């Protein structure tokens, strides 16, 4: 055995690891990753839905709707509510005449 694991070795190692973990920006990166995942899944699902329907995607609809989903999800922490709310808003905006 190269070295003996004793509390005097483990405790400082654990303390340094814990401090690095607490001080690291993991939460920010995870939030950013979650945002990217939500936007990506939303964009893919909307593109797929329009392709299946054989209709062109109206310009700006996907980013607008997916940003709505992300914002609403952050407020409610409920993805189903966010999707439902923003889908309704998207349908209403598309049914209104464009100027």
C-alpha atoms as a PDB file:
ATOM      1  CA  UNK A   1       0.000   0.000   0.000  1.00  0.00           C
ATOM      2  CA  UNK A   2       1.466   3.323  -1.046  1.00  0.00           C
ATOM      3  CA  UNK A   3      -0.142   5.374   1.704  1.00  0.00           C
ATOM      4  CA  UNK A   4      -2.516   4.807   4.536  1.00  0.00           C
ATOM      5  CA  UNK A   5      -5.899   6.539   4.365  1.00  0.00           C
ATOM      6  CA  UNK A   6      -6.321   8.227   7.695  1.00  0.00           C
ATOM      7  CA  UNK A   7      -8.810  10.823   8.847  1.00  0.00           C
ATOM      8  CA  UNK A   8      -6.037  13.418   8.761  1.00  0.00           C
ATOM      9  CA  UNK A   9      -5.671  12.786   5.002  1.00  0.00           C
ATOM     10  CA  UNK A  10      -9.338  12.305   4.170  1.00  0.00           C
ATOM     11  CA  UNK A  11     -10.746  15.294   6.037  1.00  0.00           C
ATOM     12  CA  UNK A  12      -8.638  17.964   4.274  1.00  0.00           C
ATOM     13  CA  UNK A  13      -9.265  16.286   0.914  1.00  0.00           C
ATOM     14  CA  UNK A  14     -12.996  16.203   1.549  1.00  0.00           C
ATOM     15  CA  UNK A  15     -13.001  19.820   2.737  1.00  0.00           C
ATOM     16  CA  UNK A  16     -11.194  21.042  -0.373  1.00  0.00           C
ATOM     17  CA  UNK A  17     -13.506  19.020  -2.640  1.00  0.00           C
ATOM     18  CA  UNK A  18     -16.621  20.274  -0.854  1.00  0.00           C
ATOM     19  CA  UNK A  19     -15.419  23.868  -0.999  1.00  0.00           C
ATOM     20  CA  UNK A  20     -14.666  23.584  -4.719  1.00  0.00           C
ATOM     21  CA  UNK A  21     -18.103  22.076  -5.329  1.00  0.00           C
ATOM     22  CA  UNK A  22     -19.943  24.756  -3.343  1.00  0.00           C
ATOM     23  CA  UNK A  23     -18.013  27.610  -4.957  1.00  0.00           C
ATOM     24  CA  UNK A  24     -18.247  26.300  -8.505  1.00  0.00           C
ATOM     25  CA  UNK A  25     -20.863  27.716 -10.894  1.00  0.00           C
ATOM     26  CA  UNK A  26     -22.530  24.330 -11.426  1.00  0.00           C
ATOM     27  CA  UNK A  27     -26.017  25.647 -10.748  1.00  0.00           C
ATOM     28  CA  UNK A  28     -25.654  28.346 -13.387  1.00  0.00           C
ATOM     29  CA  UNK A  29     -24.373  25.849 -15.941  1.00  0.00           C
ATOM     30  CA  UNK A  30     -27.125  23.388 -15.113  1.00  0.00           C
ATOM     31  CA  UNK A  31     -29.758  26.106 -15.473  1.00  0.00           C
ATOM     32  CA  UNK A  32     -28.296  27.133 -18.790  1.00  0.00           C
ATOM     33  CA  UNK A  33     -28.234  23.507 -19.912  1.00  0.00           C
ATOM     34  CA  UNK A  34     -31.856  23.089 -18.837  1.00  0.00           C
ATOM     35  CA  UNK A  35     -32.801  26.195 -20.799  1.00  0.00           C
ATOM     36  CA  UNK A  36     -31.056  24.809 -23.873  1.00  0.00           C
ATOM     37  CA  UNK A  37     -32.783  21.443 -23.466  1.00  0.00           C
ATOM     38  CA  UNK A  38     -36.223  23.018 -23.178  1.00  0.00           C
ATOM     39  CA  UNK A  39     -35.658  25.290 -26.186  1.00  0.00           C
ATOM     40  CA  UNK A  40     -34.235  22.435 -28.270  1.00  0.00           C
ATOM     41  CA  UNK A  41     -37.038  19.975 -27.462  1.00  0.00           C
ATOM     42  CA  UNK A  42     -39.666  22.635 -28.036  1.00  0.00           C
ATOM     43  CA  UNK A  43     -38.197  23.649 -31.410  1.00  0.00           C
ATOM     44  CA  UNK A  44     -37.920  20.038 -32.550  1.00  0.00           C
ATOM     45  CA  UNK A  45     -41.471  19.211 -31.491  1.00  0.00           C
ATOM     46  CA  UNK A  46     -42.933  22.265 -33.210  1.00  0.00           C
ATOM     47  CA  UNK A  47     -40.968  21.672 -36.421  1.00  0.00           C
ATOM     48  CA  UNK A  48     -42.104  18.056 -36.426  1.00  0.00           C
ATOM     49  CA  UNK A  49     -45.737  19.007 -35.849  1.00  0.00           C
ATOM     50  CA  UNK A  50     -45.719  21.460 -38.768  1.00  0.00           C
ATOM     51  CA  UNK A  51     -43.943  18.935 -41.021  1.00  0.00           C
ATOM     52  CA  UNK A  52     -46.516  16.239 -40.182  1.00  0.00           C
ATOM     53  CA  UNK A  53     -49.300  18.693 -40.960  1.00  0.00           C
ATOM     54  CA  UNK A  54     -47.600  19.586 -44.249  1.00  0.00           C
ATOM     55  CA  UNK A  55     -47.658  23.283 -43.421  1.00  0.00           C
ATOM     56  CA  UNK A  56     -44.857  25.827 -43.475  1.00  0.00           C
ATOM     57  CA  UNK A  57     -43.785  27.248 -40.127  1.00  0.00           C
ATOM     58  CA  UNK A  58     -44.770  30.911 -39.859  1.00  0.00           C
ATOM     59  CA  UNK A  59     -41.717  33.117 -39.490  1.00  0.00           C
ATOM     60  CA  UNK A  60     -40.699  33.678 -35.884  1.00  0.00           C
ATOM     61  CA  UNK A  61     -43.356  31.383 -34.434  1.00  0.00           C
ATOM     62  CA  UNK A  62     -40.997  28.720 -33.097  1.00  0.00           C
ATOM     63  CA  UNK A  63     -38.592  31.041 -31.243  1.00  0.00           C
ATOM     64  CA  UNK A  64     -41.472  33.122 -29.881  1.00  0.00           C
ATOM     65  CA  UNK A  65     -43.420  30.090 -28.652  1.00  0.00           C
ATOM     66  CA  UNK A  66     -40.388  28.243 -27.269  1.00  0.00           C
ATOM     67  CA  UNK A  67     -39.173  31.327 -25.408  1.00  0.00           C
ATOM     68  CA  UNK A  68     -42.673  31.612 -23.969  1.00  0.00           C
ATOM     69  CA  UNK A  69     -42.487  27.971 -22.831  1.00  0.00           C
ATOM     70  CA  UNK A  70     -39.132  28.571 -21.171  1.00  0.00           C
ATOM     71  CA  UNK A  71     -40.246  31.773 -19.431  1.00  0.00           C
ATOM     72  CA  UNK A  72     -43.530  30.260 -18.261  1.00  0.00           C
ATOM     73  CA  UNK A  73     -41.773  27.112 -17.058  1.00  0.00           C
ATOM     74  CA  UNK A  74     -39.371  29.205 -14.978  1.00  0.00           C
ATOM     75  CA  UNK A  75     -42.350  30.969 -13.376  1.00  0.00           C
ATOM     76  CA  UNK A  76     -44.545  27.926 -12.768  1.00  0.00           C
ATOM     77  CA  UNK A  77     -42.050  25.021 -12.674  1.00  0.00           C
ATOM     78  CA  UNK A  78     -44.682  23.063 -14.584  1.00  0.00           C
ATOM     79  CA  UNK A  79     -43.759  22.128 -18.139  1.00  0.00           C
ATOM     80  CA  UNK A  80     -47.260  20.945 -19.075  1.00  0.00           C
ATOM     81  CA  UNK A  81     -48.746  24.275 -17.983  1.00  0.00           C
ATOM     82  CA  UNK A  82     -46.072  26.156 -19.914  1.00  0.00           C
ATOM     83  CA  UNK A  83     -46.694  24.147 -23.099  1.00  0.00           C
ATOM     84  CA  UNK A  84     -50.453  24.531 -22.845  1.00  0.00           C
ATOM     85  CA  UNK A  85     -50.337  28.274 -22.116  1.00  0.00           C
ATOM     86  CA  UNK A  86     -47.884  29.051 -24.895  1.00  0.00           C
ATOM     87  CA  UNK A  87     -49.565  26.787 -27.451  1.00  0.00           C
ATOM     88  CA  UNK A  88     -52.827  28.625 -26.852  1.00  0.00           C
ATOM     89  CA  UNK A  89     -51.064  31.977 -27.239  1.00  0.00           C
ATOM     90  CA  UNK A  90     -49.418  30.802 -30.464  1.00  0.00           C
ATOM     91  CA  UNK A  91     -52.739  29.618 -31.931  1.00  0.00           C
ATOM     92  CA  UNK A  92     -54.402  32.906 -31.005  1.00  0.00           C
ATOM     93  CA  UNK A  93     -51.600  34.946 -32.560  1.00  0.00           C
ATOM     94  CA  UNK A  94     -51.800  32.896 -35.779  1.00  0.00           C
ATOM     95  CA  UNK A  95     -55.583  33.221 -36.021  1.00  0.00           C
ATOM     96  CA  UNK A  96     -55.393  37.025 -35.835  1.00  0.00           C
ATOM     97  CA  UNK A  97     -54.978  38.826 -39.176  1.00  0.00           C
ATOM     98  CA  UNK A  98     -51.449  39.989 -39.866  1.00  0.00           C
ATOM     99  CA  UNK A  99     -50.977  43.700 -40.635  1.00  0.00           C
END
